[in-house]
Amino acid sequence: KCLVGWDLSHAVANVPLYLNKWNVDFACWCNYKYACSGPGGVAGMFIHERYKNEGISRQRLSGWWGHKIN
């Protein structure tokens, strides 16, 4: 199976996106282009809901302090 990812840096806050509806496997985007936000790492990441029960045990990093595992 081939997974396809999308770089949406020029699309976020610029055009409507329907990632689940379009069956996009995964996507990521920055926040400093059309969202007029500050520079920095990934502003968003999308993983299609069909992968939520893949049986892969990984810790989810989320939230303001999501980069801190402990």
N, C-alpha and C. Protein backbone atom coordinates (compact mmCIF):
# COMPACT_ATOMS: atom_id res chain seq x y z
N LYS A 1 0.85 -1.17 0.00
CA LYS A 1 0.00 0.00 0.00
C LYS A 1 0.89 1.23 0.00
N CYS A 2 0.56 2.18 -0.81
CA CYS A 2 1.30 3.43 -0.90
C CYS A 2 0.49 4.54 -0.23
N LEU A 3 1.08 5.17 0.78
CA LEU A 3 0.43 6.31 1.44
C LEU A 3 0.91 7.59 0.76
N VAL A 4 0.00 8.53 0.62
CA VAL A 4 0.34 9.80 -0.01
C VAL A 4 0.11 10.92 0.99
N GLY A 5 1.13 11.76 1.17
CA GLY A 5 1.03 12.90 2.07
C GLY A 5 1.01 14.20 1.28
N TRP A 6 0.41 15.21 1.87
CA TRP A 6 0.27 16.50 1.20
C TRP A 6 0.91 17.61 2.03
N ASP A 7 1.62 18.48 1.36
CA ASP A 7 2.16 19.70 1.97
C ASP A 7 1.16 20.80 1.65
N LEU A 8 0.46 21.27 2.67
CA LEU A 8 -0.62 22.24 2.47
C LEU A 8 -0.24 23.66 2.89
N SER A 9 1.03 23.98 2.85
CA SER A 9 1.49 25.30 3.30
C SER A 9 0.83 26.45 2.56
N HIS A 10 0.56 26.27 1.28
CA HIS A 10 -0.05 27.35 0.50
C HIS A 10 -1.56 27.23 0.43
N ALA A 11 -2.13 26.22 1.08
CA ALA A 11 -3.58 26.02 1.01
C ALA A 11 -4.30 26.40 2.30
N VAL A 12 -3.70 26.12 3.45
CA VAL A 12 -4.35 26.39 4.73
C VAL A 12 -4.65 27.88 4.86
N ALA A 13 -5.85 28.21 5.24
CA ALA A 13 -6.35 29.58 5.40
C ALA A 13 -6.48 30.31 4.06
N ASN A 14 -6.32 29.58 2.96
CA ASN A 14 -6.41 30.18 1.64
C ASN A 14 -7.55 29.57 0.81
N VAL A 15 -7.74 28.27 0.92
CA VAL A 15 -8.80 27.57 0.19
C VAL A 15 -9.47 26.56 1.12
N PRO A 16 -10.73 26.20 0.88
CA PRO A 16 -11.39 25.19 1.72
C PRO A 16 -10.72 23.83 1.54
N LEU A 17 -10.55 23.12 2.64
CA LEU A 17 -9.94 21.79 2.61
C LEU A 17 -10.90 20.78 3.23
N TYR A 18 -11.08 19.67 2.56
CA TYR A 18 -11.98 18.60 3.02
C TYR A 18 -11.18 17.30 3.04
N LEU A 19 -10.21 17.22 3.94
CA LEU A 19 -9.23 16.14 3.91
C LEU A 19 -9.85 14.77 4.14
N ASN A 20 -10.77 14.62 5.08
CA ASN A 20 -11.44 13.33 5.27
C ASN A 20 -12.27 12.97 4.05
N LYS A 21 -13.02 13.92 3.54
CA LYS A 21 -13.89 13.69 2.38
C LYS A 21 -13.07 13.28 1.16
N TRP A 22 -11.89 13.86 1.00
CA TRP A 22 -11.03 13.56 -0.14
C TRP A 22 -10.18 12.31 0.08
N ASN A 23 -10.31 11.68 1.24
CA ASN A 23 -9.53 10.48 1.58
C ASN A 23 -8.03 10.71 1.55
N VAL A 24 -7.61 11.86 1.99
CA VAL A 24 -6.18 12.17 2.11
C VAL A 24 -5.60 11.30 3.22
N ASP A 25 -4.47 10.63 2.97
CA ASP A 25 -3.84 9.79 3.99
C ASP A 25 -3.30 10.64 5.14
N PHE A 26 -2.47 11.62 4.80
CA PHE A 26 -1.95 12.52 5.82
C PHE A 26 -1.51 13.82 5.17
N ALA A 27 -1.42 14.87 5.98
CA ALA A 27 -1.02 16.18 5.48
C ALA A 27 -0.40 16.98 6.62
N CYS A 28 0.41 17.96 6.26
CA CYS A 28 0.97 18.87 7.26
C CYS A 28 1.08 20.25 6.62
N TRP A 29 1.19 21.26 7.47
CA TRP A 29 1.26 22.62 6.97
C TRP A 29 1.92 23.53 7.98
N CYS A 30 2.41 24.64 7.50
CA CYS A 30 3.02 25.65 8.36
C CYS A 30 1.95 26.70 8.70
N ASN A 31 2.32 27.64 9.53
CA ASN A 31 1.34 28.63 9.95
C ASN A 31 1.70 30.05 9.55
N TYR A 32 2.82 30.27 8.92
CA TYR A 32 3.29 31.64 8.70
C TYR A 32 2.94 32.20 7.32
N LYS A 33 2.37 31.43 6.45
CA LYS A 33 2.07 31.95 5.11
C LYS A 33 0.72 32.66 5.11
N TYR A 34 -0.34 31.99 4.74
CA TYR A 34 -1.64 32.64 4.62
C TYR A 34 -2.36 32.80 5.95
N ALA A 35 -1.93 32.10 7.00
CA ALA A 35 -2.55 32.26 8.31
C ALA A 35 -1.96 33.47 9.05
N CYS A 36 -0.90 34.08 8.47
CA CYS A 36 -0.26 35.27 9.03
C CYS A 36 0.13 35.08 10.49
N SER A 37 0.70 33.95 10.77
CA SER A 37 1.13 33.65 12.13
C SER A 37 2.65 33.68 12.18
N GLY A 38 3.22 33.35 13.31
CA GLY A 38 4.67 33.39 13.45
C GLY A 38 5.36 32.19 12.85
N PRO A 39 6.64 32.34 12.53
CA PRO A 39 7.40 31.22 11.98
C PRO A 39 7.66 30.16 13.05
N GLY A 40 7.92 28.97 12.61
CA GLY A 40 8.20 27.89 13.54
C GLY A 40 7.82 26.57 12.93
N GLY A 41 7.89 25.53 13.70
CA GLY A 41 7.66 24.16 13.22
C GLY A 41 6.31 23.95 12.56
N VAL A 42 5.87 22.74 12.59
CA VAL A 42 4.61 22.36 11.97
C VAL A 42 3.45 23.00 12.71
N ALA A 43 2.58 23.68 12.00
CA ALA A 43 1.41 24.29 12.62
C ALA A 43 0.27 23.30 12.71
N GLY A 44 0.26 22.35 11.82
CA GLY A 44 -0.81 21.36 11.85
C GLY A 44 -0.41 20.09 11.14
N MET A 45 -1.01 19.01 11.58
CA MET A 45 -0.79 17.73 10.95
C MET A 45 -2.13 16.99 10.95
N PHE A 46 -2.45 16.38 9.85
CA PHE A 46 -3.69 15.63 9.69
C PHE A 46 -3.34 14.19 9.37
N ILE A 47 -4.00 13.26 10.06
CA ILE A 47 -3.91 11.84 9.74
C ILE A 47 -5.34 11.35 9.62
N HIS A 48 -5.66 10.72 8.51
CA HIS A 48 -7.04 10.30 8.25
C HIS A 48 -7.54 9.38 9.36
N GLU A 49 -8.82 9.52 9.69
CA GLU A 49 -9.41 8.76 10.79
C GLU A 49 -9.39 7.25 10.56
N ARG A 50 -9.23 6.80 9.33
CA ARG A 50 -9.20 5.36 9.08
C ARG A 50 -7.96 4.69 9.68
N TYR A 51 -6.97 5.48 10.08
CA TYR A 51 -5.75 4.93 10.68
C TYR A 51 -5.78 4.94 12.20
N LYS A 52 -6.87 5.36 12.81
CA LYS A 52 -6.91 5.49 14.27
C LYS A 52 -6.88 4.16 15.00
N ASN A 53 -7.28 3.08 14.38
CA ASN A 53 -7.30 1.78 15.03
C ASN A 53 -6.33 0.80 14.37
N GLU A 54 -5.19 1.28 13.97
CA GLU A 54 -4.20 0.45 13.30
C GLU A 54 -3.50 -0.52 14.23
N GLY A 55 -3.72 -0.40 15.53
CA GLY A 55 -3.06 -1.29 16.47
C GLY A 55 -1.63 -0.89 16.79
N ILE A 56 -1.24 0.29 16.37
CA ILE A 56 0.10 0.78 16.65
C ILE A 56 0.06 1.53 17.97
N SER A 57 0.89 1.12 18.90
CA SER A 57 0.91 1.75 20.21
C SER A 57 1.96 2.85 20.24
N ARG A 58 1.51 4.08 20.14
CA ARG A 58 2.42 5.23 20.19
C ARG A 58 1.84 6.27 21.11
N GLN A 59 2.72 6.95 21.79
CA GLN A 59 2.25 8.03 22.65
C GLN A 59 1.90 9.22 21.77
N ARG A 60 0.78 9.82 22.04
CA ARG A 60 0.34 10.97 21.28
C ARG A 60 0.87 12.23 21.94
N LEU A 61 1.51 13.07 21.16
CA LEU A 61 2.00 14.36 21.65
C LEU A 61 1.04 15.43 21.18
N SER A 62 0.39 16.09 22.12
CA SER A 62 -0.56 17.12 21.72
C SER A 62 -0.60 18.21 22.78
N GLY A 63 -1.14 19.34 22.40
CA GLY A 63 -1.28 20.44 23.34
C GLY A 63 -0.06 21.34 23.39
N TRP A 64 -0.17 22.36 24.20
CA TRP A 64 0.86 23.38 24.29
C TRP A 64 2.21 22.80 24.68
N TRP A 65 2.23 21.87 25.65
CA TRP A 65 3.47 21.26 26.10
C TRP A 65 3.62 19.85 25.52
N GLY A 66 3.05 19.58 24.37
CA GLY A 66 3.07 18.26 23.77
C GLY A 66 4.45 17.74 23.43
N HIS A 67 5.43 18.62 23.30
CA HIS A 67 6.78 18.18 22.98
C HIS A 67 7.47 17.55 24.18
N LYS A 68 6.91 17.72 25.38
CA LYS A 68 7.49 17.14 26.59
C LYS A 68 6.81 15.80 26.86
N ILE A 69 7.55 14.72 26.70
CA ILE A 69 6.98 13.39 26.87
C ILE A 69 6.64 13.11 28.32
N ASN A 70 7.46 13.57 29.26
CA ASN A 70 7.20 13.28 30.68
C ASN A 70 6.27 14.30 31.28
